[in-house]
Amino acid sequence: MAVKYKEIADCLEREIRDGKFDKTKKLPTEEELMKNFEVSRNTIRKAINQLVNRGYIYQVQGSGMFLREKSVTDYINLGSLRGLTKDLTSKIIETKILDLHVIEADEVKSKQMRCEAGTKLYYIKRLRIVDKEPFSIEISYFKKDIVPYLNEDIASSSIYRYLIEDLKLNIGFADKVINCEKIDEASARLLHVNPADPALIIENTVFLTNGTIFELSNSLFHYQKAKILNRINFK
């Protein structure tokens, strides 16, 4: 079952995107949100924290919750687990499926994903295309006992929308590792760069709220096109 505060955050995010608060440039008060959604103050505060982390609002003590400028949305947001379709909102994103099949976890993958060797995993390799230009190559592994079904239609769209809205997974947190390497010839051809050019790589290990790893991914980005955003709150 979906976590209530995340449902509220998603609802408010849609309203922000639709321009509902453009006139006032701020959200309703906590009390108004509590009444509108019929939930506790703690739930509203968790939802608000989600919107802060997603980069939509900032809070001013005693004044309210204000909308941030929209010009900073077209970056890869390190604080987000929801993929390019949510990060690059003003871009046209297409996906080409390069490979999709079920494999058995070897010793390396079983150690990385904390599962038994031989565990069934979905292996997906995708080329992400942004505004008609190759942008990134994504290789992902999903535990089949948690994500029992994936096909090309799902993988060609937003996998995370499917995980959240259809499978109702309670996605909790992720470990992200960022590094740079020289790109190999096959990947260079896909991204239209030269072999041995630099490549930005983000490795994700993603957990459910109960601490279970369900996804391991490796995203290799075109070094001239990818920009990283990390929102930091000074506390």
Protein backbone atom coordinates (compact mmCIF):
# COMPACT_ATOMS: atom_id res chain seq x y z
CA MET A 1 0.00 0.00 0.00
CA ALA A 2 1.35 3.42 -0.93
CA VAL A 3 2.65 5.65 1.87
CA LYS A 4 0.14 8.44 2.57
CA TYR A 5 2.61 11.31 2.78
CA LYS A 6 4.10 10.32 -0.59
CA GLU A 7 0.62 10.28 -2.13
CA ILE A 8 0.06 13.80 -0.79
CA ALA A 9 3.46 14.97 -2.05
CA ASP A 10 2.68 13.56 -5.51
CA CYS A 11 -0.70 15.30 -5.53
CA LEU A 12 0.83 18.64 -4.53
CA GLU A 13 3.58 18.19 -7.10
CA ARG A 14 0.98 17.72 -9.85
CA GLU A 15 -0.84 20.86 -8.67
CA ILE A 16 2.41 22.83 -8.67
CA ARG A 17 3.20 21.63 -12.20
CA ASP A 18 -0.32 22.54 -13.32
CA GLY A 19 0.18 26.09 -12.06
CA LYS A 20 -2.37 25.99 -9.25
CA PHE A 21 -0.15 28.08 -6.96
CA ASP A 22 1.49 30.33 -9.57
CA LYS A 23 -0.50 33.38 -8.47
CA THR A 24 0.42 33.23 -4.79
CA LYS A 25 3.82 31.52 -5.31
CA LYS A 26 3.27 29.60 -2.09
CA LEU A 27 1.45 26.56 -0.74
CA PRO A 28 -1.48 26.63 1.68
CA THR A 29 -0.62 26.55 5.38
CA GLU A 30 -0.03 23.28 7.24
CA GLU A 31 -3.45 23.67 8.88
CA GLU A 32 -5.16 24.10 5.50
CA LEU A 33 -3.35 21.08 4.08
CA MET A 34 -4.23 19.00 7.13
CA LYS A 35 -7.91 19.88 6.61
CA ASN A 36 -7.82 19.34 2.83
CA PHE A 37 -6.19 15.90 3.04
CA GLU A 38 -7.69 14.90 6.40
CA VAL A 39 -4.36 13.80 7.86
CA SER A 40 -2.13 14.67 10.81
CA ARG A 41 0.40 17.46 10.99
CA ASN A 42 3.21 14.90 11.00
CA THR A 43 1.99 13.44 7.69
CA ILE A 44 1.80 16.90 6.10
CA ARG A 45 5.29 17.75 7.29
CA LYS A 46 6.65 14.56 5.76
CA ALA A 47 4.92 15.41 2.47
CA ILE A 48 6.34 18.94 2.58
CA ASN A 49 9.82 17.54 3.18
CA GLN A 50 9.38 15.43 0.03
CA LEU A 51 8.59 18.55 -2.00
CA VAL A 52 11.60 20.35 -0.53
CA ASN A 53 13.86 17.45 -1.50
CA ARG A 54 12.34 17.31 -4.98
CA GLY A 55 13.19 20.97 -5.41
CA TYR A 56 9.71 22.44 -5.70
CA ILE A 57 9.44 24.55 -2.56
CA TYR A 58 11.41 26.15 0.26
CA GLN A 59 10.22 27.04 3.73
CA VAL A 60 10.52 30.39 5.50
CA GLN A 61 10.02 30.22 9.25
CA GLY A 62 6.85 32.08 10.18
CA SER A 63 6.02 33.00 6.56
CA GLY A 64 5.09 29.77 4.79
CA MET A 65 6.13 27.44 2.01
CA PHE A 66 7.16 29.13 -1.22
CA LEU A 67 7.58 27.81 -4.76
CA ARG A 68 11.11 27.65 -6.13
CA GLU A 69 11.95 28.95 -9.58
CA LYS A 70 11.15 26.47 -12.36
CA SER A 71 14.37 27.13 -14.30
CA VAL A 72 16.32 24.59 -12.24
CA THR A 73 14.25 21.52 -13.08
CA ASP A 74 16.12 20.27 -16.16
CA TYR A 75 18.94 18.59 -14.32
CA ILE A 76 19.58 15.09 -13.04
CA ASN A 77 18.44 15.48 -9.45
CA LEU A 78 20.60 13.44 -7.07
CA GLY A 79 17.87 13.70 -4.45
CA SER A 80 15.31 12.01 -6.69
CA LEU A 81 14.70 8.33 -7.36
CA ARG A 82 12.07 8.86 -10.04
CA GLY A 83 14.08 8.97 -13.25
CA LEU A 84 14.59 11.22 -16.25
CA THR A 85 10.89 11.72 -16.99
CA LYS A 86 10.53 13.54 -13.66
CA ASP A 87 13.88 15.34 -13.74
CA LEU A 88 13.88 16.64 -17.33
CA THR A 89 10.34 17.92 -17.40
CA SER A 90 10.70 20.32 -20.32
CA LYS A 91 12.44 17.80 -22.58
CA ILE A 92 11.14 15.20 -25.03
CA ILE A 93 12.33 11.85 -23.70
CA GLU A 94 12.34 8.64 -25.73
CA THR A 95 13.56 5.20 -24.77
CA LYS A 96 15.04 2.47 -26.95
CA ILE A 97 15.10 -1.00 -25.40
CA LEU A 98 18.44 -2.65 -26.17
CA ASP A 99 17.90 -5.78 -24.08
CA LEU A 100 15.34 -7.16 -21.64
CA HIS A 101 15.36 -10.68 -20.24
CA VAL A 102 15.46 -12.67 -17.00
CA ILE A 103 18.82 -13.83 -15.64
CA GLU A 104 20.03 -15.61 -12.52
CA ALA A 105 22.14 -13.64 -10.07
CA ASP A 106 25.77 -14.68 -10.09
CA GLU A 107 28.02 -14.36 -7.04
CA VAL A 108 28.79 -10.69 -7.74
CA LYS A 109 25.16 -9.63 -8.26
CA SER A 110 23.93 -11.71 -5.33
CA LYS A 111 26.41 -9.95 -3.06
CA GLN A 112 25.52 -6.52 -4.43
CA MET A 113 21.77 -7.13 -4.13
CA ARG A 114 21.95 -9.18 -0.91
CA CYS A 115 20.21 -12.20 -2.30
CA GLU A 116 20.96 -15.86 -2.98
CA ALA A 117 22.97 -16.83 -6.02
CA GLY A 118 20.51 -17.97 -8.67
CA THR A 119 17.83 -15.44 -7.67
CA LYS A 120 15.81 -14.39 -10.72
CA LEU A 121 16.52 -10.85 -11.89
CA TYR A 122 15.16 -8.73 -14.70
CA TYR A 123 18.04 -7.35 -16.76
CA ILE A 124 17.19 -4.22 -18.75
CA LYS A 125 19.47 -2.18 -20.98
CA ARG A 126 18.01 1.06 -22.36
CA LEU A 127 19.20 3.95 -24.47
CA ARG A 128 17.61 7.20 -23.27
CA ILE A 129 17.14 9.86 -25.94
CA VAL A 130 16.50 13.50 -24.97
CA ASP A 131 15.27 15.98 -27.57
CA LYS A 132 16.21 13.52 -30.34
CA GLU A 133 19.82 13.15 -29.14
CA PRO A 134 21.32 10.16 -27.27
CA PHE A 135 21.67 11.08 -23.62
CA SER A 136 22.41 8.01 -21.50
CA ILE A 137 22.70 4.24 -21.38
CA GLU A 138 20.96 2.60 -18.43
CA ILE A 139 21.52 -0.95 -17.23
CA SER A 140 19.19 -2.07 -14.45
CA TYR A 141 18.60 -5.24 -12.45
CA PHE A 142 15.29 -5.78 -10.62
CA LYS A 143 14.51 -8.67 -8.27
CA LYS A 144 11.76 -10.66 -9.93
CA ASP A 145 10.14 -11.68 -6.65
CA ILE A 146 9.53 -7.96 -5.95
CA VAL A 147 8.96 -6.81 -9.54
CA PRO A 148 7.24 -9.93 -10.93
CA TYR A 149 6.54 -8.58 -14.42
CA LEU A 150 8.27 -6.22 -16.83
CA ASN A 151 7.92 -5.92 -20.58
CA GLU A 152 9.11 -3.57 -23.31
CA ASP A 153 6.03 -1.36 -23.09
CA ILE A 154 6.68 -0.70 -19.40
CA ALA A 155 10.43 -0.31 -19.88
CA SER A 156 9.89 2.11 -22.77
CA SER A 157 7.93 4.43 -20.52
CA SER A 158 8.60 5.28 -16.87
CA ILE A 159 9.53 2.16 -14.91
CA TYR A 160 9.24 4.05 -11.65
CA ARG A 161 5.73 5.23 -12.41
CA TYR A 162 4.83 1.57 -12.94
CA LEU A 163 6.55 0.53 -9.70
CA ILE A 164 4.81 3.21 -7.65
CA GLU A 165 1.38 3.50 -9.25
CA ASP A 166 0.75 -0.06 -10.43
CA LEU A 167 2.83 -2.28 -8.13
CA LYS A 168 2.40 0.10 -5.17
CA LEU A 169 5.97 -0.44 -4.02
CA ASN A 170 7.05 1.53 -0.98
CA ILE A 171 10.38 2.82 -2.27
CA GLY A 172 12.48 4.15 0.56
CA PHE A 173 16.03 5.29 -0.18
CA ALA A 174 19.10 4.73 -2.32
CA ASP A 175 22.86 4.71 -2.22
CA LYS A 176 24.35 6.64 -5.16
CA VAL A 177 27.94 6.46 -6.32
CA ILE A 178 29.19 8.90 -8.97
CA ASN A 179 32.38 8.46 -10.95
CA CYS A 180 33.92 9.12 -14.35
CA GLU A 181 35.48 6.62 -16.73
CA LYS A 182 36.63 6.51 -20.32
CA ILE A 183 33.81 5.24 -22.50
CA ASP A 184 34.12 1.93 -24.35
CA GLU A 185 33.66 1.63 -28.12
CA ALA A 186 30.17 0.06 -28.05
CA SER A 187 28.80 2.70 -25.68
CA ALA A 188 30.53 5.47 -27.64
CA ARG A 189 28.67 4.40 -30.78
CA LEU A 190 25.34 4.52 -28.96
CA LEU A 191 25.97 7.97 -27.47
CA HIS A 192 27.61 9.40 -30.61
CA VAL A 193 30.90 10.24 -28.90
CA ASN A 194 34.47 9.13 -29.46
CA PRO A 195 35.93 6.02 -27.81
CA ALA A 196 37.90 6.94 -24.68
CA ASP A 197 35.90 10.16 -24.26
CA PRO A 198 34.91 10.73 -20.62
CA ALA A 199 31.58 9.43 -19.34
CA LEU A 200 29.68 10.35 -16.19
CA ILE A 201 28.44 7.25 -14.37
CA ILE A 202 25.87 7.06 -11.58
CA GLU A 203 25.43 3.73 -9.79
CA ASN A 204 22.22 3.28 -7.79
CA THR A 205 21.39 0.69 -5.16
CA VAL A 206 17.71 1.21 -4.35
CA PHE A 207 15.88 -0.04 -1.27
CA LEU A 208 12.28 -0.46 -0.18
CA THR A 209 11.20 1.24 3.04
CA ASN A 210 11.84 -2.04 4.90
CA GLY A 211 15.52 -2.01 3.84
CA THR A 212 15.24 -4.65 1.09
CA ILE A 213 17.28 -4.00 -2.05
CA PHE A 214 15.12 -4.39 -5.14
CA GLU A 215 17.13 -2.59 -7.84
CA LEU A 216 20.71 -2.14 -8.91
CA SER A 217 21.40 0.22 -11.80
CA ASN A 218 24.25 1.80 -13.69
CA SER A 219 23.62 4.90 -15.81
CA LEU A 220 26.28 6.13 -18.23
CA PHE A 221 25.71 9.71 -19.40
CA HIS A 222 26.87 11.73 -22.39
CA TYR A 223 29.53 13.94 -20.82
CA GLN A 224 28.52 17.05 -22.79
CA LYS A 225 24.81 16.85 -22.00
CA ALA A 226 24.31 15.63 -18.45
CA LYS A 227 24.10 18.19 -15.65
CA ILE A 228 23.81 17.20 -12.00
CA LEU A 229 21.75 19.00 -9.38
CA ASN A 230 22.06 18.35 -5.66
CA ARG A 231 19.79 20.41 -3.43
CA ILE A 232 21.19 21.01 0.03
CA ASN A 233 19.33 22.41 3.01
CA PHE A 234 21.50 24.27 5.47
CA LYS A 235 20.46 23.21 8.95
